[in-house]
Protein backbone atom coordinates (compact mmCIF):
# COMPACT_ATOMS: atom_id res chain seq x y z
CA MET A 1 -4.95 -34.69 1.89
CA TYR A 2 -1.41 -34.59 1.23
CA GLU A 3 -0.70 -32.98 -2.25
CA GLU A 4 2.46 -30.51 -1.13
CA ASP A 5 3.51 -33.86 -0.08
CA ILE A 6 2.61 -35.38 -3.15
CA ILE A 7 4.53 -32.55 -5.76
CA LEU A 8 7.91 -32.45 -2.60
CA TYR A 9 8.02 -36.05 -3.05
CA LEU A 10 7.68 -35.56 -7.44
CA LEU A 11 10.44 -33.86 -7.16
CA LYS A 12 13.30 -34.95 -4.86
CA GLU A 13 12.50 -38.30 -6.81
CA CYS A 14 13.25 -36.27 -10.39
CA GLY A 15 15.17 -33.47 -9.34
CA ARG A 16 13.58 -30.58 -10.59
CA LEU A 17 10.63 -30.34 -12.84
CA HIS A 18 8.45 -27.82 -14.71
CA PRO A 19 4.71 -27.08 -13.79
CA PHE A 20 2.84 -29.34 -16.52
CA HIS A 21 4.74 -31.77 -15.81
CA ILE A 22 3.78 -31.96 -11.62
CA SER A 23 0.52 -31.51 -12.98
CA ARG A 24 0.33 -34.18 -15.92
CA LEU A 25 1.49 -36.47 -12.49
CA ILE A 26 -0.44 -35.85 -9.98
CA ALA A 27 -3.61 -36.53 -12.94
CA LEU A 28 -1.91 -39.42 -13.61
CA LEU A 29 -2.17 -40.36 -9.61
CA ASP A 30 -5.80 -39.48 -9.53
CA LEU A 31 -6.44 -41.62 -12.19
CA PHE A 32 -4.94 -44.71 -10.37
CA TYR A 33 -6.31 -44.34 -7.32
CA LEU A 34 -9.91 -42.97 -9.04
CA LYS A 35 -9.68 -46.51 -10.84
CA GLU A 36 -8.91 -47.95 -7.87
CA LYS A 37 -10.50 -47.07 -4.78
CA GLY A 38 -13.13 -45.54 -6.43
CA GLU A 39 -11.77 -41.45 -5.23
CA LYS A 40 -8.69 -39.19 -6.09
CA ILE A 41 -5.79 -39.34 -3.33
CA THR A 42 -6.32 -35.52 -3.43
CA THR A 43 -8.73 -32.23 -3.60
CA PHE A 44 -6.70 -30.42 -6.55
CA LYS A 45 -10.18 -29.77 -8.88
CA TYR A 46 -8.93 -30.01 -12.52
CA GLN A 47 -10.29 -27.62 -15.28
CA LYS A 48 -10.35 -29.04 -18.81
CA MET A 49 -9.80 -27.33 -21.99
CA PRO A 50 -10.14 -29.10 -25.95
CA PHE A 51 -6.40 -29.69 -25.52
CA GLY A 52 -5.44 -30.29 -22.02
CA PHE A 53 -5.94 -28.73 -19.23
CA TYR A 54 -4.75 -27.33 -15.68
CA ILE A 55 -5.29 -27.67 -12.02
CA GLU A 56 -6.95 -25.20 -9.49
CA LYS A 57 -4.83 -23.05 -7.54
CA LEU A 58 -1.58 -25.31 -8.54
CA PRO A 59 0.68 -22.00 -9.54
CA ASP A 60 -0.76 -21.08 -5.52
CA ILE A 61 0.34 -23.89 -3.92
CA LEU A 62 4.13 -23.76 -5.66
CA LYS A 63 4.81 -20.21 -5.06
CA ASP A 64 4.52 -21.69 -1.27
CA MET A 65 6.45 -24.82 -1.33
CA PRO A 66 10.22 -24.09 -0.33
CA LEU A 67 10.90 -24.11 -3.76
CA GLU A 68 13.05 -22.02 -6.24
CA LYS A 69 12.77 -21.64 -10.14
CA ILE A 70 15.78 -22.50 -12.27
CA GLU A 71 16.34 -22.04 -15.98
CA GLU A 72 17.97 -25.05 -18.22
CA GLU A 73 18.01 -25.21 -22.03
CA GLY A 74 15.57 -22.79 -22.26
CA TYR A 75 13.05 -23.66 -19.77
CA LYS A 76 11.41 -23.36 -16.47
CA TYR A 77 11.79 -25.97 -13.69
CA LEU A 78 11.02 -25.65 -10.29
CA LYS A 79 13.58 -27.50 -7.63
CA ILE A 80 13.62 -27.62 -3.84
CA ARG A 81 15.86 -24.89 -2.61
CA ASP A 82 18.99 -26.42 -0.93
CA ASP A 83 18.21 -24.85 2.59
CA ALA A 84 14.65 -26.26 3.01
CA LYS A 85 14.27 -28.70 5.05
CA VAL A 86 11.78 -30.74 4.27
CA LYS A 87 9.16 -33.56 5.53
CA ILE A 88 7.28 -36.28 3.05
CA ASN A 89 4.60 -37.37 4.50
CA LEU A 90 3.55 -39.62 2.24
CA PRO A 91 2.22 -44.00 2.38
CA ASP A 92 4.14 -46.50 1.26
CA GLU A 93 1.85 -47.57 -0.74
CA VAL A 94 1.72 -44.02 -2.16
CA ARG A 95 5.28 -43.56 -2.93
CA MET A 96 5.28 -47.07 -4.67
CA ARG A 97 2.73 -45.82 -7.24
CA ILE A 98 4.83 -42.44 -7.34
CA ASP A 99 7.42 -44.32 -8.59
CA LYS A 100 5.23 -46.34 -10.67
CA ILE A 101 4.34 -43.33 -12.69
CA LEU A 102 7.98 -41.89 -12.95
CA ASP A 103 9.38 -44.88 -14.53
CA GLU A 104 5.91 -45.28 -17.07
CA VAL A 105 6.69 -42.03 -18.03
CA ARG A 106 10.01 -41.75 -17.95
CA ASP A 107 10.75 -41.57 -21.61
CA LEU A 108 7.36 -39.77 -22.51
CA SER A 109 7.96 -36.49 -24.99
CA ASP A 110 5.27 -33.68 -22.61
CA SER A 111 2.51 -34.19 -25.77
CA GLU A 112 3.21 -38.03 -24.93
CA LEU A 113 2.84 -37.63 -21.61
CA ASN A 114 -0.20 -35.14 -21.54
CA ALA A 115 -1.75 -37.64 -24.16
CA LYS A 116 -2.17 -40.31 -21.48
CA VAL A 117 -3.83 -38.42 -19.40
CA LEU A 118 -6.02 -37.19 -21.42
CA ILE A 119 -7.22 -40.33 -22.99
CA ALA A 120 -7.26 -42.59 -19.31
CA GLU A 121 -11.17 -44.29 -18.95
CA TYR A 122 -11.22 -42.22 -15.51
CA TYR A 123 -10.21 -39.02 -17.01
CA SER A 124 -13.67 -37.94 -17.23
CA LYS A 125 -13.85 -37.32 -14.14
CA LEU A 126 -11.07 -36.07 -11.97
């Protein structure tokens, strides 16, 4: 599937992201595809907890990608390494959907972003 390409595209568009944000953005993308196409676009497995979720294996995937950790204002973010030569292979439809999601959530706080996922119609199917 497109897991690494989706992560790279998110980081390319946003510059840097915390893993929490990466997971929520991927979940919103999977939720869209569940609703519109009947299946997720990723193979990620979501572990649900009372106030959120985490994506199994996401930390391992991030660790193996050409990313670097940066710290700003007390937060640890990930960004694509400056020396990394990455090629992002995503269909235009997926890129456009990610862009739309980014536009929709750009001004949300962490708790609002998390809530957007948790109250989504198809969340129970993730």
